PDB file of N, CA and C in Angstrom:
ATOM      1  N   MET A   1     -44.552 -37.909  18.731  1.00  0.00           N
ATOM      2  CA  MET A   1     -43.535 -37.222  17.947  1.00  0.00           C
ATOM      3  C   MET A   1     -43.146 -38.092  16.768  1.00  0.00           C
ATOM      4  N   LYS A   2     -42.960 -37.475  15.640  1.00  0.00           N
ATOM      5  CA  LYS A   2     -42.634 -38.183  14.406  1.00  0.00           C
ATOM      6  C   LYS A   2     -41.194 -38.688  14.450  1.00  0.00           C
ATOM      7  N   LYS A   3     -40.980 -39.940  14.059  1.00  0.00           N
ATOM      8  CA  LYS A   3     -39.650 -40.521  14.041  1.00  0.00           C
ATOM      9  C   LYS A   3     -38.871 -39.949  12.858  1.00  0.00           C
ATOM     10  N   LYS A   4     -37.605 -39.622  13.116  1.00  0.00           N
ATOM     11  CA  LYS A   4     -36.763 -39.073  12.063  1.00  0.00           C
ATOM     12  C   LYS A   4     -36.280 -40.192  11.161  1.00  0.00           C
ATOM     13  N   SER A   5     -36.080 -39.865   9.906  1.00  0.00           N
ATOM     14  CA  SER A   5     -35.654 -40.861   8.931  1.00  0.00           C
ATOM     15  C   SER A   5     -34.190 -41.221   9.126  1.00  0.00           C
ATOM     16  N   THR A   6     -33.783 -42.335   8.546  1.00  0.00           N
ATOM     17  CA  THR A   6     -32.393 -42.764   8.577  1.00  0.00           C
ATOM     18  C   THR A   6     -31.519 -41.742   7.867  1.00  0.00           C
ATOM     19  N   ILE A   7     -32.024 -41.169   6.789  1.00  0.00           N
ATOM     20  CA  ILE A   7     -31.269 -40.150   6.045  1.00  0.00           C
ATOM     21  C   ILE A   7     -30.982 -38.962   6.955  1.00  0.00           C
ATOM     22  N   HIS A   8     -31.981 -38.525   7.703  1.00  0.00           N
ATOM     23  CA  HIS A   8     -31.790 -37.406   8.630  1.00  0.00           C
ATOM     24  C   HIS A   8     -30.698 -37.745   9.630  1.00  0.00           C
ATOM     25  N   ASN A   9     -30.737 -38.935  10.196  1.00  0.00           N
ATOM     26  CA  ASN A   9     -29.744 -39.333  11.192  1.00  0.00           C
ATOM     27  C   ASN A   9     -28.345 -39.388  10.594  1.00  0.00           C
ATOM     28  N   LYS A  10     -28.205 -39.862   9.355  1.00  0.00           N
ATOM     29  CA  LYS A  10     -26.892 -39.951   8.729  1.00  0.00           C
ATOM     30  C   LYS A  10     -26.356 -38.563   8.376  1.00  0.00           C
ATOM     31  N   CYS A  11     -27.216 -37.675   7.942  1.00  0.00           N
ATOM     32  CA  CYS A  11     -26.773 -36.338   7.523  1.00  0.00           C
ATOM     33  C   CYS A  11     -26.520 -35.422   8.710  1.00  0.00           C
ATOM     34  N   PHE A  12     -27.370 -35.504   9.704  1.00  0.00           N
ATOM     35  CA  PHE A  12     -27.331 -34.517  10.772  1.00  0.00           C
ATOM     36  C   PHE A  12     -26.958 -35.072  12.135  1.00  0.00           C
ATOM     37  N   GLY A  13     -26.965 -36.379  12.311  1.00  0.00           N
ATOM     38  CA  GLY A  13     -26.715 -36.944  13.626  1.00  0.00           C
ATOM     39  C   GLY A  13     -27.880 -36.646  14.547  1.00  0.00           C
ATOM     40  N   ASP A  14     -27.654 -36.786  15.826  1.00  0.00           N
ATOM     41  CA  ASP A  14     -28.751 -36.496  16.740  1.00  0.00           C
ATOM     42  C   ASP A  14     -28.842 -34.996  17.003  1.00  0.00           C
ATOM     43  N   ASP A  15     -29.965 -34.585  17.574  1.00  0.00           N
ATOM     44  CA  ASP A  15     -30.220 -33.156  17.785  1.00  0.00           C
ATOM     45  C   ASP A  15     -29.178 -32.511  18.688  1.00  0.00           C
ATOM     46  N   GLY A  16     -28.700 -33.242  19.703  1.00  0.00           N
ATOM     47  CA  GLY A  16     -27.698 -32.692  20.608  1.00  0.00           C
ATOM     48  C   GLY A  16     -26.405 -32.369  19.883  1.00  0.00           C
ATOM     49  N   LYS A  17     -26.019 -33.260  18.976  1.00  0.00           N
ATOM     50  CA  LYS A  17     -24.786 -33.030  18.218  1.00  0.00           C
ATOM     51  C   LYS A  17     -24.944 -31.819  17.306  1.00  0.00           C
ATOM     52  N   VAL A  18     -26.087 -31.715  16.645  1.00  0.00           N
ATOM     53  CA  VAL A  18     -26.347 -30.574  15.759  1.00  0.00           C
ATOM     54  C   VAL A  18     -26.334 -29.288  16.555  1.00  0.00           C
ATOM     55  N   ASN A  19     -27.018 -29.275  17.689  1.00  0.00           N
ATOM     56  CA  ASN A  19     -27.060 -28.068  18.517  1.00  0.00           C
ATOM     57  C   ASN A  19     -25.667 -27.689  19.003  1.00  0.00           C
ATOM     58  N   GLY A  20     -24.867 -28.685  19.374  1.00  0.00           N
ATOM     59  CA  GLY A  20     -23.512 -28.421  19.829  1.00  0.00           C
ATOM     60  C   GLY A  20     -22.658 -27.804  18.735  1.00  0.00           C
ATOM     61  N   GLU A  21     -22.801 -28.331  17.519  1.00  0.00           N
ATOM     62  CA  GLU A  21     -22.028 -27.792  16.397  1.00  0.00           C
ATOM     63  C   GLU A  21     -22.459 -26.372  16.060  1.00  0.00           C
ATOM     64  N   VAL A  22     -23.747 -26.107  16.122  1.00  0.00           N
ATOM     65  CA  VAL A  22     -24.254 -24.757  15.849  1.00  0.00           C
ATOM     66  C   VAL A  22     -23.744 -23.787  16.911  1.00  0.00           C
ATOM     67  N   LEU A  23     -23.776 -24.210  18.171  1.00  0.00           N
ATOM     68  CA  LEU A  23     -23.292 -23.363  19.256  1.00  0.00           C
ATOM     69  C   LEU A  23     -21.798 -23.088  19.096  1.00  0.00           C
ATOM     70  N   GLN A  24     -21.027 -24.111  18.767  1.00  0.00           N
ATOM     71  CA  GLN A  24     -19.586 -23.949  18.581  1.00  0.00           C
ATOM     72  C   GLN A  24     -19.295 -22.992  17.426  1.00  0.00           C
ATOM     73  N   SER A  25     -20.033 -23.132  16.344  1.00  0.00           N
ATOM     74  CA  SER A  25     -19.862 -22.247  15.194  1.00  0.00           C
ATOM     75  C   SER A  25     -20.225 -20.811  15.561  1.00  0.00           C
ATOM     76  N   SER A  26     -21.293 -20.653  16.310  1.00  0.00           N
ATOM     77  CA  SER A  26     -21.726 -19.324  16.729  1.00  0.00           C
ATOM     78  C   SER A  26     -20.685 -18.664  17.624  1.00  0.00           C
ATOM     79  N   GLU A  27     -20.106 -19.431  18.549  1.00  0.00           N
ATOM     80  CA  GLU A  27     -19.076 -18.892  19.436  1.00  0.00           C
ATOM     81  C   GLU A  27     -17.834 -18.495  18.644  1.00  0.00           C
ATOM     82  N   ALA A  28     -17.467 -19.296  17.647  1.00  0.00           N
ATOM     83  CA  ALA A  28     -16.317 -18.973  16.804  1.00  0.00           C
ATOM     84  C   ALA A  28     -16.581 -17.680  16.039  1.00  0.00           C
ATOM     85  N   ASN A  29     -17.794 -17.526  15.523  1.00  0.00           N
ATOM     86  CA  ASN A  29     -18.147 -16.303  14.795  1.00  0.00           C
ATOM     87  C   ASN A  29     -18.093 -15.085  15.705  1.00  0.00           C
ATOM     88  N   GLU A  30     -18.540 -15.252  16.956  1.00  0.00           N
ATOM     89  CA  GLU A  30     -18.502 -14.149  17.905  1.00  0.00           C
ATOM     90  C   GLU A  30     -17.062 -13.740  18.211  1.00  0.00           C
ATOM     91  N   ARG A  31     -16.151 -14.725  18.344  1.00  0.00           N
ATOM     92  CA  ARG A  31     -14.739 -14.413  18.590  1.00  0.00           C
ATOM     93  C   ARG A  31     -14.148 -13.663  17.396  1.00  0.00           C
ATOM     94  N   LEU A  32     -14.449 -14.129  16.190  1.00  0.00           N
ATOM     95  CA  LEU A  32     -13.932 -13.457  14.992  1.00  0.00           C
ATOM     96  C   LEU A  32     -14.460 -12.033  14.886  1.00  0.00           C
ATOM     97  N   LEU A  33     -15.735 -11.856  15.207  1.00  0.00           N
ATOM     98  CA  LEU A  33     -16.330 -10.522  15.156  1.00  0.00           C
ATOM     99  C   LEU A  33     -15.669  -9.600  16.178  1.00  0.00           C
ATOM    100  N   ALA A  34     -15.391 -10.108  17.369  1.00  0.00           N
ATOM    101  CA  ALA A  34     -14.715  -9.304  18.393  1.00  0.00           C
ATOM    102  C   ALA A  34     -13.314  -8.923  17.926  1.00  0.00           C
ATOM    103  N   GLU A  35     -12.593  -9.858  17.291  1.00  0.00           N
ATOM    104  CA  GLU A  35     -11.256  -9.561  16.774  1.00  0.00           C
ATOM    105  C   GLU A  35     -11.321  -8.508  15.674  1.00  0.00           C
ATOM    106  N   LEU A  36     -12.307  -8.627  14.797  1.00  0.00           N
ATOM    107  CA  LEU A  36     -12.463  -7.651  13.716  1.00  0.00           C
ATOM    108  C   LEU A  36     -12.773  -6.267  14.273  1.00  0.00           C
ATOM    109  N   LYS A  37     -13.666  -6.201  15.256  1.00  0.00           N
ATOM    110  CA  LYS A  37     -13.998  -4.914  15.870  1.00  0.00           C
ATOM    111  C   LYS A  37     -12.771  -4.295  16.527  1.00  0.00           C
ATOM    112  N   ALA A  38     -11.948  -5.125  17.194  1.00  0.00           N
ATOM    113  CA  ALA A  38     -10.736  -4.627  17.841  1.00  0.00           C
ATOM    114  C   ALA A  38      -9.741  -4.105  16.800  1.00  0.00           C
ATOM    115  N   ALA A  39      -9.622  -4.806  15.680  1.00  0.00           N
ATOM    116  CA  ALA A  39      -8.712  -4.371  14.617  1.00  0.00           C
ATOM    117  C   ALA A  39      -9.183  -3.061  13.994  1.00  0.00           C
ATOM    118  N   ILE A  40     -10.469  -2.942  13.795  1.00  0.00           N
ATOM    119  CA  ILE A  40     -11.022  -1.694  13.244  1.00  0.00           C
ATOM    120  C   ILE A  40     -10.779  -0.546  14.215  1.00  0.00           C
ATOM    121  N   ARG A  41     -11.027  -0.801  15.502  1.00  0.00           N
ATOM    122  CA  ARG A  41     -10.818   0.232  16.523  1.00  0.00           C
ATOM    123  C   ARG A  41      -9.343   0.650  16.560  1.00  0.00           C
ATOM    124  N   ALA A  42      -8.428  -0.323  16.498  1.00  0.00           N
ATOM    125  CA  ALA A  42      -6.991  -0.014  16.510  1.00  0.00           C
ATOM    126  C   ALA A  42      -6.625   0.836  15.297  1.00  0.00           C
ATOM    127  N   GLY A  43      -7.199   0.528  14.161  1.00  0.00           N
ATOM    128  CA  GLY A  43      -6.935   1.317  12.955  1.00  0.00           C
ATOM    129  C   GLY A  43      -7.439   2.736  13.080  1.00  0.00           C
ATOM    130  N   LEU A  44      -8.648   2.879  13.603  1.00  0.00           N
ATOM    131  CA  LEU A  44      -9.208   4.221  13.770  1.00  0.00           C
ATOM    132  C   LEU A  44      -8.426   5.018  14.805  1.00  0.00           C
ATOM    133  N   ASP A  45      -8.007   4.352  15.883  1.00  0.00           N
ATOM    134  CA  ASP A  45      -7.264   5.032  16.948  1.00  0.00           C
ATOM    135  C   ASP A  45      -5.843   5.414  16.527  1.00  0.00           C
ATOM    136  N   SER A  46      -5.336   4.770  15.482  1.00  0.00           N
ATOM    137  CA  SER A  46      -3.957   5.041  15.069  1.00  0.00           C
ATOM    138  C   SER A  46      -3.815   6.393  14.378  1.00  0.00           C
ATOM    139  N   GLY A  47      -4.915   6.980  13.987  1.00  0.00           N
ATOM    140  CA  GLY A  47      -4.864   8.315  13.382  1.00  0.00           C
ATOM    141  C   GLY A  47      -4.757   8.261  11.867  1.00  0.00           C
ATOM    142  N   VAL A  48      -4.633   9.432  11.294  1.00  0.00           N
ATOM    143  CA  VAL A  48      -4.558   9.584   9.847  1.00  0.00           C
ATOM    144  C   VAL A  48      -3.142   9.249   9.377  1.00  0.00           C
ATOM    145  N   ALA A  49      -3.051   8.473   8.319  1.00  0.00           N
ATOM    146  CA  ALA A  49      -1.734   8.128   7.760  1.00  0.00           C
ATOM    147  C   ALA A  49      -1.131   9.349   7.088  1.00  0.00           C
ATOM    148  N   GLU A  50       0.148   9.538   7.349  1.00  0.00           N
ATOM    149  CA  GLU A  50       0.855  10.654   6.725  1.00  0.00           C
ATOM    150  C   GLU A  50       1.841  10.107   5.705  1.00  0.00           C
ATOM    151  N   MET A  51       2.007  10.822   4.613  1.00  0.00           N
ATOM    152  CA  MET A  51       2.947  10.437   3.560  1.00  0.00           C
ATOM    153  C   MET A  51       2.654   9.023   3.044  1.00  0.00           C
ATOM    154  N   PHE A  52       1.403   8.740   2.834  1.00  0.00           N
ATOM    155  CA  PHE A  52       0.977   7.430   2.353  1.00  0.00           C
ATOM    156  C   PHE A  52       0.641   7.531   0.881  1.00  0.00           C
ATOM    157  N   ASP A  53       1.271   6.690   0.069  1.00  0.00           N
ATOM    158  CA  ASP A  53       1.006   6.662  -1.365  1.00  0.00           C
ATOM    159  C   ASP A  53       0.240   5.366  -1.671  1.00  0.00           C
ATOM    160  N   PRO A  54      -1.057   5.452  -1.912  1.00  0.00           N
ATOM    161  CA  PRO A  54      -1.841   4.233  -2.129  1.00  0.00           C
ATOM    162  C   PRO A  54      -1.410   3.446  -3.363  1.00  0.00           C
ATOM    163  N   ILE A  55      -0.943   4.115  -4.404  1.00  0.00           N
ATOM    164  CA  ILE A  55      -0.494   3.433  -5.622  1.00  0.00           C
ATOM    165  C   ILE A  55       0.752   2.596  -5.319  1.00  0.00           C
ATOM    166  N   GLN A  56       1.707   3.207  -4.622  1.00  0.00           N
ATOM    167  CA  GLN A  56       2.925   2.486  -4.253  1.00  0.00           C
ATOM    168  C   GLN A  56       2.602   1.320  -3.324  1.00  0.00           C
ATOM    169  N   HIS A  57       1.708   1.530  -2.380  1.00  0.00           N
ATOM    170  CA  HIS A  57       1.326   0.470  -1.451  1.00  0.00           C
ATOM    171  C   HIS A  57       0.678  -0.702  -2.198  1.00  0.00           C
ATOM    172  N   LEU A  58      -0.160  -0.401  -3.168  1.00  0.00           N
ATOM    173  CA  LEU A  58      -0.802  -1.445  -3.966  1.00  0.00           C
ATOM    174  C   LEU A  58       0.238  -2.261  -4.729  1.00  0.00           C
ATOM    175  N   GLU A  59       1.236  -1.593  -5.256  1.00  0.00           N
ATOM    176  CA  GLU A  59       2.306  -2.303  -5.974  1.00  0.00           C
ATOM    177  C   GLU A  59       3.070  -3.242  -5.034  1.00  0.00           C
ATOM    178  N   VAL A  60       3.341  -2.785  -3.824  1.00  0.00           N
ATOM    179  CA  VAL A  60       4.024  -3.621  -2.833  1.00  0.00           C
ATOM    180  C   VAL A  60       3.181  -4.864  -2.526  1.00  0.00           C
ATOM    181  N   LEU A  61       1.871  -4.681  -2.376  1.00  0.00           N
ATOM    182  CA  LEU A  61       0.983  -5.809  -2.101  1.00  0.00           C
ATOM    183  C   LEU A  61       0.963  -6.793  -3.277  1.00  0.00           C
ATOM    184  N   LYS A  62       0.950  -6.265  -4.495  1.00  0.00           N
ATOM    185  CA  LYS A  62       0.945  -7.119  -5.684  1.00  0.00           C
ATOM    186  C   LYS A  62       2.223  -7.959  -5.775  1.00  0.00           C
ATOM    187  N   VAL A  63       3.355  -7.331  -5.518  1.00  0.00           N
ATOM    188  CA  VAL A  63       4.643  -8.050  -5.561  1.00  0.00           C
ATOM    189  C   VAL A  63       4.657  -9.135  -4.489  1.00  0.00           C
ATOM    190  N   ALA A  64       4.203  -8.816  -3.307  1.00  0.00           N
ATOM    191  CA  ALA A  64       4.174  -9.804  -2.223  1.00  0.00           C
ATOM    192  C   ALA A  64       3.265 -10.977  -2.575  1.00  0.00           C
ATOM    193  N   ARG A  65       2.157 -10.692  -3.217  1.00  0.00           N
ATOM    194  CA  ARG A  65       1.221 -11.765  -3.583  1.00  0.00           C
ATOM    195  C   ARG A  65       1.818 -12.663  -4.655  1.00  0.00           C
ATOM    196  N   ARG A  66       2.514 -12.058  -5.623  1.00  0.00           N
ATOM    197  CA  ARG A  66       3.134 -12.852  -6.702  1.00  0.00           C
ATOM    198  C   ARG A  66       4.225 -13.767  -6.164  1.00  0.00           C
ATOM    199  N   SER A  67       4.908 -13.333  -5.106  1.00  0.00           N
ATOM    200  CA  SER A  67       6.025 -14.124  -4.587  1.00  0.00           C
ATOM    201  C   SER A  67       5.572 -15.271  -3.685  1.00  0.00           C
ATOM    202  N   ARG A  68       4.303 -15.389  -3.415  1.00  0.00           N
ATOM    203  CA  ARG A  68       3.806 -16.499  -2.585  1.00  0.00           C
ATOM    204  C   ARG A  68       3.786 -17.771  -3.339  1.00  0.00           C
TER     205      ARG A  68
END
């Protein structure tokens, strides 16, 4: 097996560490995806919005953003 360079070791660490970080990142992505799916489902299950003015809602969002 070919020996890895010093640069590889400094940038990536050992293979176990890299694999662990990839697995941790993948698990975090899966949790976020599950949360997003649940939020989408909750939105769809909530029904059609009544008396909703998208222009007024956009203005409220803009004001809230400016005040941050």
